[in-house]
């Protein structure tokens, strides 16, 4: 059950968002999850600053039920930054990726 929240100071056209959705769905397998449980939020045209600059940047937050191996997070970060570079032209050095793991996750009126 990952929830991936992407914030960027760039606009994300609808077709680009669809391609990001598909790529994130494939990337979920890297952390042992499937697209069947994936929830996404895209927040574009944010007022976002990085290193004192308003140049194109993004913050990606990955909330995860359970945890994954360190090498899985490495692979996920590489994939997410590559996808953002391809789809939005974002340099990998202008993207932060944060992971949050939790042993508690609610769904359908109960918890796992």
PDB file of N, CA and C in Angstrom:
ATOM      1  N   UNK A   1       0.805  -1.178   0.000  1.00  0.00           N
ATOM      2  CA  UNK A   1       0.000   0.000   0.000  1.00  0.00           C
ATOM      3  C   UNK A   1       0.857   1.254   0.000  1.00  0.00           C
ATOM      4  N   UNK A   2       1.515   1.508  -1.071  1.00  0.00           N
ATOM      5  CA  UNK A   2       2.231   2.775  -1.089  1.00  0.00           C
ATOM      6  C   UNK A   2       1.315   3.932  -1.511  1.00  0.00           C
ATOM      7  N   UNK A   3       1.613   5.079  -0.957  1.00  0.00           N
ATOM      8  CA  UNK A   3       1.008   6.333  -1.373  1.00  0.00           C
ATOM      9  C   UNK A   3       2.164   7.202  -1.808  1.00  0.00           C
ATOM     10  N   UNK A   4       2.152   7.629  -3.061  1.00  0.00           N
ATOM     11  CA  UNK A   4       3.230   8.461  -3.585  1.00  0.00           C
ATOM     12  C   UNK A   4       2.672   9.831  -3.913  1.00  0.00           C
ATOM     13  N   UNK A   5       3.230  10.825  -3.252  1.00  0.00           N
ATOM     14  CA  UNK A   5       2.801  12.212  -3.410  1.00  0.00           C
ATOM     15  C   UNK A   5       3.945  12.969  -4.081  1.00  0.00           C
ATOM     16  N   UNK A   6       3.690  13.470  -5.270  1.00  0.00           N
ATOM     17  CA  UNK A   6       4.691  14.209  -6.030  1.00  0.00           C
ATOM     18  C   UNK A   6       4.304  15.681  -6.092  1.00  0.00           C
ATOM     19  N   UNK A   7       5.185  16.528  -5.596  1.00  0.00           N
ATOM     20  CA  UNK A   7       4.997  17.975  -5.653  1.00  0.00           C
ATOM     21  C   UNK A   7       6.097  18.563  -6.526  1.00  0.00           C
ATOM     22  N   UNK A   8       5.717  19.433  -7.435  1.00  0.00           N
ATOM     23  CA  UNK A   8       6.697  20.074  -8.292  1.00  0.00           C
ATOM     24  C   UNK A   8       6.267  21.503  -8.602  1.00  0.00           C
ATOM     25  N   UNK A   9       7.233  22.334  -8.913  1.00  0.00           N
ATOM     26  CA  UNK A   9       6.912  23.708  -9.295  1.00  0.00           C
ATOM     27  C   UNK A   9       6.690  23.823 -10.806  1.00  0.00           C
ATOM     28  N   UNK A  10       6.635  22.706 -11.488  1.00  0.00           N
ATOM     29  CA  UNK A  10       6.333  22.672 -12.916  1.00  0.00           C
ATOM     30  C   UNK A  10       4.878  22.277 -13.148  1.00  0.00           C
ATOM     31  N   UNK A  11       4.297  22.693 -14.263  1.00  0.00           N
ATOM     32  CA  UNK A  11       2.962  22.191 -14.602  1.00  0.00           C
ATOM     33  C   UNK A  11       3.072  20.738 -15.068  1.00  0.00           C
ATOM     34  N   UNK A  12       2.049  19.955 -14.798  1.00  0.00           N
ATOM     35  CA  UNK A  12       1.996  18.571 -15.277  1.00  0.00           C
ATOM     36  C   UNK A  12       0.756  18.438 -16.154  1.00  0.00           C
ATOM     37  N   UNK A  13       0.941  18.448 -17.467  1.00  0.00           N
ATOM     38  CA  UNK A  13      -0.206  18.267 -18.363  1.00  0.00           C
ATOM     39  C   UNK A  13      -0.858  16.895 -18.133  1.00  0.00           C
ATOM     40  N   UNK A  14      -2.125  16.793 -18.465  1.00  0.00           N
ATOM     41  CA  UNK A  14      -2.896  15.576 -18.228  1.00  0.00           C
ATOM     42  C   UNK A  14      -2.245  14.335 -18.830  1.00  0.00           C
ATOM     43  N   UNK A  15      -1.782  14.426 -20.060  1.00  0.00           N
ATOM     44  CA  UNK A  15      -1.159  13.259 -20.700  1.00  0.00           C
ATOM     45  C   UNK A  15       0.134  12.855 -19.996  1.00  0.00           C
ATOM     46  N   UNK A  16       0.885  13.829 -19.538  1.00  0.00           N
ATOM     47  CA  UNK A  16       2.116  13.542 -18.788  1.00  0.00           C
ATOM     48  C   UNK A  16       1.777  12.871 -17.468  1.00  0.00           C
ATOM     49  N   UNK A  17       0.725  13.338 -16.805  1.00  0.00           N
ATOM     50  CA  UNK A  17       0.301  12.721 -15.551  1.00  0.00           C
ATOM     51  C   UNK A  17      -0.068  11.253 -15.761  1.00  0.00           C
ATOM     52  N   UNK A  18      -0.711  10.952 -16.849  1.00  0.00           N
ATOM     53  CA  UNK A  18      -1.071   9.555 -17.154  1.00  0.00           C
ATOM     54  C   UNK A  18       0.181   8.698 -17.345  1.00  0.00           C
ATOM     55  N   UNK A  19       1.192   9.252 -18.007  1.00  0.00           N
ATOM     56  CA  UNK A  19       2.440   8.502 -18.193  1.00  0.00           C
ATOM     57  C   UNK A  19       3.167   8.332 -16.855  1.00  0.00           C
ATOM     58  N   UNK A  20       3.148   9.366 -16.014  1.00  0.00           N
ATOM     59  CA  UNK A  20       3.738   9.252 -14.676  1.00  0.00           C
ATOM     60  C   UNK A  20       3.021   8.178 -13.864  1.00  0.00           C
ATOM     61  N   UNK A  21       1.690   8.165 -13.930  1.00  0.00           N
ATOM     62  CA  UNK A  21       0.886   7.166 -13.212  1.00  0.00           C
ATOM     63  C   UNK A  21       1.296   5.754 -13.619  1.00  0.00           C
ATOM     64  N   UNK A  22       1.418   5.533 -14.912  1.00  0.00           N
ATOM     65  CA  UNK A  22       1.795   4.210 -15.414  1.00  0.00           C
ATOM     66  C   UNK A  22       3.209   3.834 -14.964  1.00  0.00           C
ATOM     67  N   UNK A  23       4.135   4.773 -15.057  1.00  0.00           N
ATOM     68  CA  UNK A  23       5.519   4.497 -14.662  1.00  0.00           C
ATOM     69  C   UNK A  23       5.632   4.243 -13.159  1.00  0.00           C
ATOM     70  N   UNK A  24       4.905   5.008 -12.355  1.00  0.00           N
ATOM     71  CA  UNK A  24       4.913   4.795 -10.905  1.00  0.00           C
ATOM     72  C   UNK A  24       4.300   3.432 -10.567  1.00  0.00           C
ATOM     73  N   UNK A  25       3.284   3.042 -11.315  1.00  0.00           N
ATOM     74  CA  UNK A  25       2.673   1.731 -11.110  1.00  0.00           C
ATOM     75  C   UNK A  25       3.670   0.609 -11.324  1.00  0.00           C
ATOM     76  N   UNK A  26       4.491   0.734 -12.354  1.00  0.00           N
ATOM     77  CA  UNK A  26       5.534  -0.257 -12.614  1.00  0.00           C
ATOM     78  C   UNK A  26       6.619  -0.195 -11.541  1.00  0.00           C
ATOM     79  N   UNK A  27       6.967   1.002 -11.110  1.00  0.00           N
ATOM     80  CA  UNK A  27       8.028   1.179 -10.113  1.00  0.00           C
ATOM     81  C   UNK A  27       7.649   0.601  -8.753  1.00  0.00           C
ATOM     82  N   UNK A  28       6.369   0.527  -8.447  1.00  0.00           N
ATOM     83  CA  UNK A  28       5.928  -0.004  -7.152  1.00  0.00           C
ATOM     84  C   UNK A  28       6.451  -1.422  -6.919  1.00  0.00           C
ATOM     85  N   UNK A  29       6.644  -2.178  -7.983  1.00  0.00           N
ATOM     86  CA  UNK A  29       7.167  -3.541  -7.855  1.00  0.00           C
ATOM     87  C   UNK A  29       8.575  -3.549  -7.251  1.00  0.00           C
ATOM     88  N   UNK A  30       9.310  -2.472  -7.435  1.00  0.00           N
ATOM     89  CA  UNK A  30      10.670  -2.396  -6.896  1.00  0.00           C
ATOM     90  C   UNK A  30      10.697  -2.432  -5.369  1.00  0.00           C
ATOM     91  N   UNK A  31       9.603  -1.979  -4.747  1.00  0.00           N
ATOM     92  CA  UNK A  31       9.527  -2.014  -3.284  1.00  0.00           C
ATOM     93  C   UNK A  31       8.557  -3.100  -2.818  1.00  0.00           C
ATOM     94  N   UNK A  32       8.313  -4.063  -3.695  1.00  0.00           N
ATOM     95  CA  UNK A  32       7.509  -5.223  -3.340  1.00  0.00           C
ATOM     96  C   UNK A  32       6.014  -4.982  -3.295  1.00  0.00           C
ATOM     97  N   UNK A  33       5.533  -3.966  -3.993  1.00  0.00           N
ATOM     98  CA  UNK A  33       4.104  -3.646  -3.993  1.00  0.00           C
ATOM     99  C   UNK A  33       3.564  -3.694  -5.414  1.00  0.00           C
ATOM    100  N   UNK A  34       2.242  -3.772  -5.527  1.00  0.00           N
ATOM    101  CA  UNK A  34       1.632  -3.794  -6.852  1.00  0.00           C
ATOM    102  C   UNK A  34       0.793  -2.538  -7.061  1.00  0.00           C
ATOM    103  N   UNK A  35       0.503  -2.277  -8.314  1.00  0.00           N
ATOM    104  CA  UNK A  35      -0.313  -1.115  -8.658  1.00  0.00           C
ATOM    105  C   UNK A  35      -1.735  -1.252  -8.100  1.00  0.00           C
ATOM    106  N   UNK A  36      -2.155  -2.480  -7.819  1.00  0.00           N
ATOM    107  CA  UNK A  36      -3.501  -2.694  -7.273  1.00  0.00           C
ATOM    108  C   UNK A  36      -3.727  -1.970  -5.952  1.00  0.00           C
ATOM    109  N   UNK A  37      -2.665  -1.693  -5.218  1.00  0.00           N
ATOM    110  CA  UNK A  37      -2.780  -1.026  -3.914  1.00  0.00           C
ATOM    111  C   UNK A  37      -2.177   0.373  -3.920  1.00  0.00           C
ATOM    112  N   UNK A  38      -1.754   0.836  -5.060  1.00  0.00           N
ATOM    113  CA  UNK A  38      -1.055   2.117  -5.171  1.00  0.00           C
ATOM    114  C   UNK A  38      -2.030   3.293  -5.235  1.00  0.00           C
ATOM    115  N   UNK A  39      -1.752   4.326  -4.435  1.00  0.00           N
ATOM    116  CA  UNK A  39      -2.500   5.577  -4.526  1.00  0.00           C
ATOM    117  C   UNK A  39      -1.491   6.690  -4.832  1.00  0.00           C
ATOM    118  N   UNK A  40      -1.870   7.579  -5.736  1.00  0.00           N
ATOM    119  CA  UNK A  40      -0.984   8.652  -6.171  1.00  0.00           C
ATOM    120  C   UNK A  40      -1.649  10.018  -5.991  1.00  0.00           C
ATOM    121  N   UNK A  41      -0.821  10.998  -5.729  1.00  0.00           N
ATOM    122  CA  UNK A  41      -1.269  12.390  -5.741  1.00  0.00           C
ATOM    123  C   UNK A  41      -0.203  13.196  -6.462  1.00  0.00           C
ATOM    124  N   UNK A  42      -0.632  13.970  -7.452  1.00  0.00           N
ATOM    125  CA  UNK A  42       0.261  14.868  -8.174  1.00  0.00           C
ATOM    126  C   UNK A  42      -0.155  16.298  -7.870  1.00  0.00           C
ATOM    127  N   UNK A  43       0.783  17.066  -7.409  1.00  0.00           N
ATOM    128  CA  UNK A  43       0.554  18.473  -7.092  1.00  0.00           C
ATOM    129  C   UNK A  43       1.525  19.287  -7.944  1.00  0.00           C
ATOM    130  N   UNK A  44       1.010  19.940  -8.960  1.00  0.00           N
ATOM    131  CA  UNK A  44       1.889  20.675  -9.860  1.00  0.00           C
ATOM    132  C   UNK A  44       1.806  22.178  -9.614  1.00  0.00           C
ATOM    133  N   UNK A  45       2.724  22.895 -10.235  1.00  0.00           N
ATOM    134  CA  UNK A  45       2.792  24.362 -10.148  1.00  0.00           C
ATOM    135  C   UNK A  45       2.811  24.855  -8.701  1.00  0.00           C
ATOM    136  N   UNK A  46       3.484  24.107  -7.821  1.00  0.00           N
ATOM    137  CA  UNK A  46       3.619  24.495  -6.411  1.00  0.00           C
ATOM    138  C   UNK A  46       4.664  25.599  -6.281  1.00  0.00           C
ATOM    139  N   UNK A  47       4.545  26.330  -5.228  1.00  0.00           N
ATOM    140  CA  UNK A  47       5.618  27.266  -4.883  1.00  0.00           C
ATOM    141  C   UNK A  47       6.646  26.447  -4.119  1.00  0.00           C
ATOM    142  N   UNK A  48       7.653  26.015  -4.836  1.00  0.00           N
ATOM    143  CA  UNK A  48       8.652  25.095  -4.303  1.00  0.00           C
ATOM    144  C   UNK A  48      10.036  25.658  -4.569  1.00  0.00           C
ATOM    145  N   UNK A  49      10.842  25.730  -3.527  1.00  0.00           N
ATOM    146  CA  UNK A  49      12.205  26.235  -3.629  1.00  0.00           C
ATOM    147  C   UNK A  49      13.161  25.134  -3.184  1.00  0.00           C
ATOM    148  N   UNK A  50      14.291  25.044  -3.845  1.00  0.00           N
ATOM    149  CA  UNK A  50      15.313  24.077  -3.456  1.00  0.00           C
ATOM    150  C   UNK A  50      16.672  24.754  -3.555  1.00  0.00           C
ATOM    151  N   UNK A  51      17.435  24.659  -2.487  1.00  0.00           N
ATOM    152  CA  UNK A  51      18.774  25.266  -2.440  1.00  0.00           C
ATOM    153  C   UNK A  51      18.722  26.758  -2.781  1.00  0.00           C
ATOM    154  N   UNK A  52      17.658  27.416  -2.325  1.00  0.00           N
ATOM    155  CA  UNK A  52      17.523  28.851  -2.538  1.00  0.00           C
ATOM    156  C   UNK A  52      17.092  29.256  -3.930  1.00  0.00           C
ATOM    157  N   UNK A  53      16.740  28.278  -4.751  1.00  0.00           N
ATOM    158  CA  UNK A  53      16.391  28.550  -6.140  1.00  0.00           C
ATOM    159  C   UNK A  53      14.979  28.073  -6.453  1.00  0.00           C
ATOM    160  N   UNK A  54      14.291  28.844  -7.290  1.00  0.00           N
ATOM    161  CA  UNK A  54      12.972  28.453  -7.763  1.00  0.00           C
ATOM    162  C   UNK A  54      13.029  27.702  -9.085  1.00  0.00           C
ATOM    163  N   UNK A  55      14.230  27.259  -9.479  1.00  0.00           N
ATOM    164  CA  UNK A  55      14.382  26.461 -10.700  1.00  0.00           C
ATOM    165  C   UNK A  55      13.566  25.175 -10.553  1.00  0.00           C
ATOM    166  N   UNK A  56      13.250  24.510 -11.674  1.00  0.00           N
ATOM    167  CA  UNK A  56      12.436  23.290 -11.602  1.00  0.00           C
ATOM    168  C   UNK A  56      12.974  22.293 -10.576  1.00  0.00           C
ATOM    169  N   UNK A  57      12.046  21.795  -9.749  1.00  0.00           N
ATOM    170  CA  UNK A  57      12.394  20.861  -8.678  1.00  0.00           C
ATOM    171  C   UNK A  57      11.157  20.041  -8.323  1.00  0.00           C
ATOM    172  N   UNK A  58      11.379  18.977  -7.561  1.00  0.00           N
ATOM    173  CA  UNK A  58      10.262  18.157  -7.097  1.00  0.00           C
ATOM    174  C   UNK A  58      10.600  17.519  -5.761  1.00  0.00           C
ATOM    175  N   UNK A  59       9.556  17.280  -4.986  1.00  0.00           N
ATOM    176  CA  UNK A  59       9.631  16.520  -3.743  1.00  0.00           C
ATOM    177  C   UNK A  59       8.683  15.351  -3.906  1.00  0.00           C
ATOM    178  N   UNK A  60       9.202  14.141  -3.743  1.00  0.00           N
ATOM    179  CA  UNK A  60       8.393  12.938  -3.867  1.00  0.00           C
ATOM    180  C   UNK A  60       8.379  12.248  -2.507  1.00  0.00           C
ATOM    181  N   UNK A  61       7.189  12.051  -1.963  1.00  0.00           N
ATOM    182  CA  UNK A  61       7.040  11.387  -0.674  1.00  0.00           C
ATOM    183  C   UNK A  61       6.403  10.024  -0.917  1.00  0.00           C
ATOM    184  N   UNK A  62       7.070   8.992  -0.437  1.00  0.00           N
ATOM    185  CA  UNK A  62       6.581   7.625  -0.594  1.00  0.00           C
ATOM    186  C   UNK A  62       6.245   7.095   0.799  1.00  0.00           C
ATOM    187  N   UNK A  63       4.952   6.943   1.080  1.00  0.00           N
ATOM    188  CA  UNK A  63       4.498   6.365   2.335  1.00  0.00           C
ATOM    189  C   UNK A  63       4.219   4.894   2.066  1.00  0.00           C
ATOM    190  N   UNK A  64       4.710   4.043   2.961  1.00  0.00           N
ATOM    191  CA  UNK A  64       4.682   2.615   2.697  1.00  0.00           C
ATOM    192  C   UNK A  64       4.223   1.831   3.917  1.00  0.00           C
ATOM    193  N   UNK A  65       3.269   0.946   3.717  1.00  0.00           N
ATOM    194  CA  UNK A  65       2.875  -0.002   4.760  1.00  0.00           C
ATOM    195  C   UNK A  65       3.959  -1.073   4.814  1.00  0.00           C
ATOM    196  N   UNK A  66       4.565  -1.238   5.975  1.00  0.00           N
ATOM    197  CA  UNK A  66       5.672  -2.181   6.109  1.00  0.00           C
ATOM    198  C   UNK A  66       6.968  -1.504   5.730  1.00  0.00           C
ATOM    199  N   UNK A  67       7.873  -2.275   5.178  1.00  0.00           N
ATOM    200  CA  UNK A  67       9.157  -1.711   4.775  1.00  0.00           C
ATOM    201  C   UNK A  67       9.729  -2.516   3.623  1.00  0.00           C
ATOM    202  N   UNK A  68      10.769  -1.968   3.034  1.00  0.00           N
ATOM    203  CA  UNK A  68      11.471  -2.636   1.945  1.00  0.00           C
ATOM    204  C   UNK A  68      12.959  -2.639   2.286  1.00  0.00           C
ATOM    205  N   UNK A  69      13.717  -3.410   1.556  1.00  0.00           N
ATOM    206  CA  UNK A  69      15.164  -3.474   1.752  1.00  0.00           C
ATOM    207  C   UNK A  69      15.820  -2.184   1.266  1.00  0.00           C
ATOM    208  N   UNK A  70      16.954  -1.797   1.866  1.00  0.00           N
ATOM    209  CA  UNK A  70      17.645  -0.577   1.435  1.00  0.00           C
ATOM    210  C   UNK A  70      17.916  -0.535  -0.070  1.00  0.00           C
ATOM    211  N   UNK A  71      18.278  -1.678  -0.656  1.00  0.00           N
ATOM    212  CA  UNK A  71      18.556  -1.673  -2.103  1.00  0.00           C
ATOM    213  C   UNK A  71      17.281  -1.456  -2.927  1.00  0.00           C
ATOM    214  N   UNK A  72      16.134  -1.823  -2.368  1.00  0.00           N
ATOM    215  CA  UNK A  72      14.864  -1.567  -3.059  1.00  0.00           C
ATOM    216  C   UNK A  72      14.570  -0.070  -3.081  1.00  0.00           C
ATOM    217  N   UNK A  73      14.866   0.597  -1.969  1.00  0.00           N
ATOM    218  CA  UNK A  73      14.676   2.055  -1.937  1.00  0.00           C
ATOM    219  C   UNK A  73      15.636   2.743  -2.904  1.00  0.00           C
ATOM    220  N   UNK A  74      16.861   2.243  -2.996  1.00  0.00           N
ATOM    221  CA  UNK A  74      17.831   2.800  -3.956  1.00  0.00           C
ATOM    222  C   UNK A  74      17.296   2.681  -5.377  1.00  0.00           C
ATOM    223  N   UNK A  75      16.777   1.495  -5.706  1.00  0.00           N
ATOM    224  CA  UNK A  75      16.237   1.265  -7.049  1.00  0.00           C
ATOM    225  C   UNK A  75      15.015   2.146  -7.299  1.00  0.00           C
ATOM    226  N   UNK A  76      14.174   2.300  -6.288  1.00  0.00           N
ATOM    227  CA  UNK A  76      12.966   3.122  -6.428  1.00  0.00           C
ATOM    228  C   UNK A  76      13.338   4.589  -6.659  1.00  0.00           C
ATOM    229  N   UNK A  77      14.300   5.092  -5.893  1.00  0.00           N
ATOM    230  CA  UNK A  77      14.736   6.477  -6.074  1.00  0.00           C
ATOM    231  C   UNK A  77      15.288   6.682  -7.483  1.00  0.00           C
ATOM    232  N   UNK A  78      16.111   5.742  -7.940  1.00  0.00           N
ATOM    233  CA  UNK A  78      16.676   5.848  -9.288  1.00  0.00           C
ATOM    234  C   UNK A  78      15.567   5.865 -10.339  1.00  0.00           C
ATOM    235  N   UNK A  79      14.569   4.998 -10.167  1.00  0.00           N
ATOM    236  CA  UNK A  79      13.478   4.923 -11.141  1.00  0.00           C
ATOM    237  C   UNK A  79      12.639   6.198 -11.120  1.00  0.00           C
ATOM    238  N   UNK A  80      12.256   6.648  -9.928  1.00  0.00           N
ATOM    239  CA  UNK A  80      11.415   7.847  -9.837  1.00  0.00           C
ATOM    240  C   UNK A  80      12.112   9.062 -10.434  1.00  0.00           C
ATOM    241  N   UNK A  81      13.397   9.240 -10.113  1.00  0.00           N
ATOM    242  CA  UNK A  81      14.102  10.407 -10.648  1.00  0.00           C
ATOM    243  C   UNK A  81      14.275  10.295 -12.165  1.00  0.00           C
ATOM    244  N   UNK A  82      14.490   9.079 -12.670  1.00  0.00           N
ATOM    245  CA  UNK A  82      14.612   8.894 -14.127  1.00  0.00           C
ATOM    246  C   UNK A  82      13.295   9.211 -14.829  1.00  0.00           C
ATOM    247  N   UNK A  83      12.191   8.791 -14.235  1.00  0.00           N
ATOM    248  CA  UNK A  83      10.874   9.059 -14.813  1.00  0.00           C
ATOM    249  C   UNK A  83      10.595  10.559 -14.823  1.00  0.00           C
ATOM    250  N   UNK A  84      10.909  11.237 -13.735  1.00  0.00           N
ATOM    251  CA  UNK A  84      10.681  12.683 -13.673  1.00  0.00           C
ATOM    252  C   UNK A  84      11.590  13.436 -14.646  1.00  0.00           C
ATOM    253  N   UNK A  85      12.785  12.926 -14.843  1.00  0.00           N
ATOM    254  CA  UNK A  85      13.678  13.548 -15.817  1.00  0.00           C
ATOM    255  C   UNK A  85      13.124  13.374 -17.239  1.00  0.00           C
ATOM    256  N   UNK A  86      12.662  12.166 -17.539  1.00  0.00           N
ATOM    257  CA  UNK A  86      12.126  11.886 -18.871  1.00  0.00           C
ATOM    258  C   UNK A  86      10.846  12.669 -19.144  1.00  0.00           C
ATOM    259  N   UNK A  87       9.923  12.671 -18.196  1.00  0.00           N
ATOM    260  CA  UNK A  87       8.598  13.251 -18.430  1.00  0.00           C
ATOM    261  C   UNK A  87       8.526  14.758 -18.203  1.00  0.00           C
ATOM    262  N   UNK A  88       9.324  15.276 -17.265  1.00  0.00           N
ATOM    263  CA  UNK A  88       9.239  16.702 -16.943  1.00  0.00           C
ATOM    264  C   UNK A  88      10.540  17.469 -17.185  1.00  0.00           C
ATOM    265  N   UNK A  89      11.608  16.748 -17.555  1.00  0.00           N
ATOM    266  CA  UNK A  89      12.889  17.401 -17.761  1.00  0.00           C
ATOM    267  C   UNK A  89      13.579  17.799 -16.476  1.00  0.00           C
ATOM    268  N   UNK A  90      13.173  17.191 -15.348  1.00  0.00           N
ATOM    269  CA  UNK A  90      13.762  17.519 -14.047  1.00  0.00           C
ATOM    270  C   UNK A  90      15.112  16.833 -13.873  1.00  0.00           C
ATOM    271  N   UNK A  91      16.131  17.594 -13.550  1.00  0.00           N
ATOM    272  CA  UNK A  91      17.436  17.006 -13.267  1.00  0.00           C
ATOM    273  C   UNK A  91      17.337  16.206 -11.975  1.00  0.00           C
ATOM    274  N   UNK A  92      17.922  15.003 -11.918  1.00  0.00           N
ATOM    275  CA  UNK A  92      17.853  14.188 -10.697  1.00  0.00           C
ATOM    276  C   UNK A  92      18.352  14.919  -9.449  1.00  0.00           C
ATOM    277  N   UNK A  93      19.290  15.831  -9.615  1.00  0.00           N
ATOM    278  CA  UNK A  93      19.804  16.603  -8.493  1.00  0.00           C
ATOM    279  C   UNK A  93      18.832  17.647  -7.970  1.00  0.00           C
ATOM    280  N   UNK A  94      17.700  17.791  -8.634  1.00  0.00           N
ATOM    281  CA  UNK A  94      16.670  18.742  -8.201  1.00  0.00           C
ATOM    282  C   UNK A  94      15.429  18.001  -7.690  1.00  0.00           C
ATOM    283  N   UNK A  95      15.613  16.738  -7.322  1.00  0.00           N
ATOM    284  CA  UNK A  95      14.498  15.924  -6.835  1.00  0.00           C
ATOM    285  C   UNK A  95      14.885  15.298  -5.493  1.00  0.00           C
ATOM    286  N   UNK A  96      14.071  15.524  -4.485  1.00  0.00           N
ATOM    287  CA  UNK A  96      14.204  14.807  -3.221  1.00  0.00           C
ATOM    288  C   UNK A  96      13.163  13.699  -3.203  1.00  0.00           C
ATOM    289  N   UNK A  97      13.533  12.550  -2.645  1.00  0.00           N
ATOM    290  CA  UNK A  97      12.597  11.446  -2.451  1.00  0.00           C
ATOM    291  C   UNK A  97      12.677  11.063  -0.978  1.00  0.00           C
ATOM    292  N   UNK A  98      11.537  11.082  -0.301  1.00  0.00           N
ATOM    293  CA  UNK A  98      11.476  10.737   1.121  1.00  0.00           C
ATOM    294  C   UNK A  98      10.618   9.488   1.288  1.00  0.00           C
ATOM    295  N   UNK A  99      11.085   8.576   2.127  1.00  0.00           N
ATOM    296  CA  UNK A  99      10.346   7.351   2.414  1.00  0.00           C
ATOM    297  C   UNK A  99       9.894   7.367   3.870  1.00  0.00           C
ATOM    298  N   UNK A 100       8.654   6.978   4.087  1.00  0.00           N
ATOM    299  CA  UNK A 100       8.109   6.837   5.433  1.00  0.00           C
ATOM    300  C   UNK A 100       7.467   5.460   5.514  1.00  0.00           C
ATOM    301  N   UNK A 101       7.872   4.695   6.510  1.00  0.00           N
ATOM    302  CA  UNK A 101       7.348   3.351   6.699  1.00  0.00           C
ATOM    303  C   UNK A 101       6.429   3.343   7.920  1.00  0.00           C
ATOM    304  N   UNK A 102       5.373   2.563   7.844  1.00  0.00           N
ATOM    305  CA  UNK A 102       4.484   2.449   8.987  1.00  0.00           C
ATOM    306  C   UNK A 102       4.013   1.003   9.146  1.00  0.00           C
ATOM    307  N   UNK A 103       3.893   0.542  10.392  1.00  0.00           N
ATOM    308  CA  UNK A 103       3.341  -0.795  10.621  1.00  0.00           C
ATOM    309  C   UNK A 103       1.813  -0.773  10.667  1.00  0.00           C
ATOM    310  N   UNK A 104       1.231   0.424  10.587  1.00  0.00           N
ATOM    311  CA  UNK A 104      -0.222   0.570  10.685  1.00  0.00           C
ATOM    312  C   UNK A 104      -0.752   1.225   9.429  1.00  0.00           C
ATOM    313  N   UNK A 105      -1.770   0.609   8.845  1.00  0.00           N
ATOM    314  CA  UNK A 105      -2.377   1.167   7.634  1.00  0.00           C
ATOM    315  C   UNK A 105      -3.832   0.750   7.635  1.00  0.00           C
ATOM    316  N   UNK A 106      -4.710   1.722   7.523  1.00  0.00           N
ATOM    317  CA  UNK A 106      -6.127   1.428   7.522  1.00  0.00           C
ATOM    318  C   UNK A 106      -6.710   1.394   6.123  1.00  0.00           C
ATOM    319  N   UNK A 107      -7.721   0.536   5.960  1.00  0.00           N
ATOM    320  CA  UNK A 107      -8.405   0.422   4.670  1.00  0.00           C
ATOM    321  C   UNK A 107      -9.713  -0.334   4.890  1.00  0.00           C
ATOM    322  N   UNK A 108     -10.721   0.085   4.217  1.00  0.00           N
ATOM    323  CA  UNK A 108     -11.997  -0.607   4.206  1.00  0.00           C
ATOM    324  C   UNK A 108     -12.573  -0.789   5.614  1.00  0.00           C
ATOM    325  N   UNK A 109     -12.403   0.241   6.437  1.00  0.00           N
ATOM    326  CA  UNK A 109     -12.975   0.228   7.785  1.00  0.00           C
ATOM    327  C   UNK A 109     -12.161  -0.517   8.823  1.00  0.00           C
ATOM    328  N   UNK A 110     -10.979  -0.991   8.462  1.00  0.00           N
ATOM    329  CA  UNK A 110     -10.144  -1.713   9.424  1.00  0.00           C
ATOM    330  C   UNK A 110      -8.679  -1.445   9.154  1.00  0.00           C
ATOM    331  N   UNK A 111      -7.819  -2.127   9.860  1.00  0.00           N
ATOM    332  CA  UNK A 111      -6.369  -1.985   9.702  1.00  0.00           C
ATOM    333  C   UNK A 111      -5.737  -3.301   9.331  1.00  0.00           C
ATOM    334  N   UNK A 112      -4.644  -3.199   8.604  1.00  0.00           N
ATOM    335  CA  UNK A 112      -3.859  -4.395   8.272  1.00  0.00           C
ATOM    336  C   UNK A 112      -2.988  -4.759   9.453  1.00  0.00           C
TER     337      UNK A 112
END
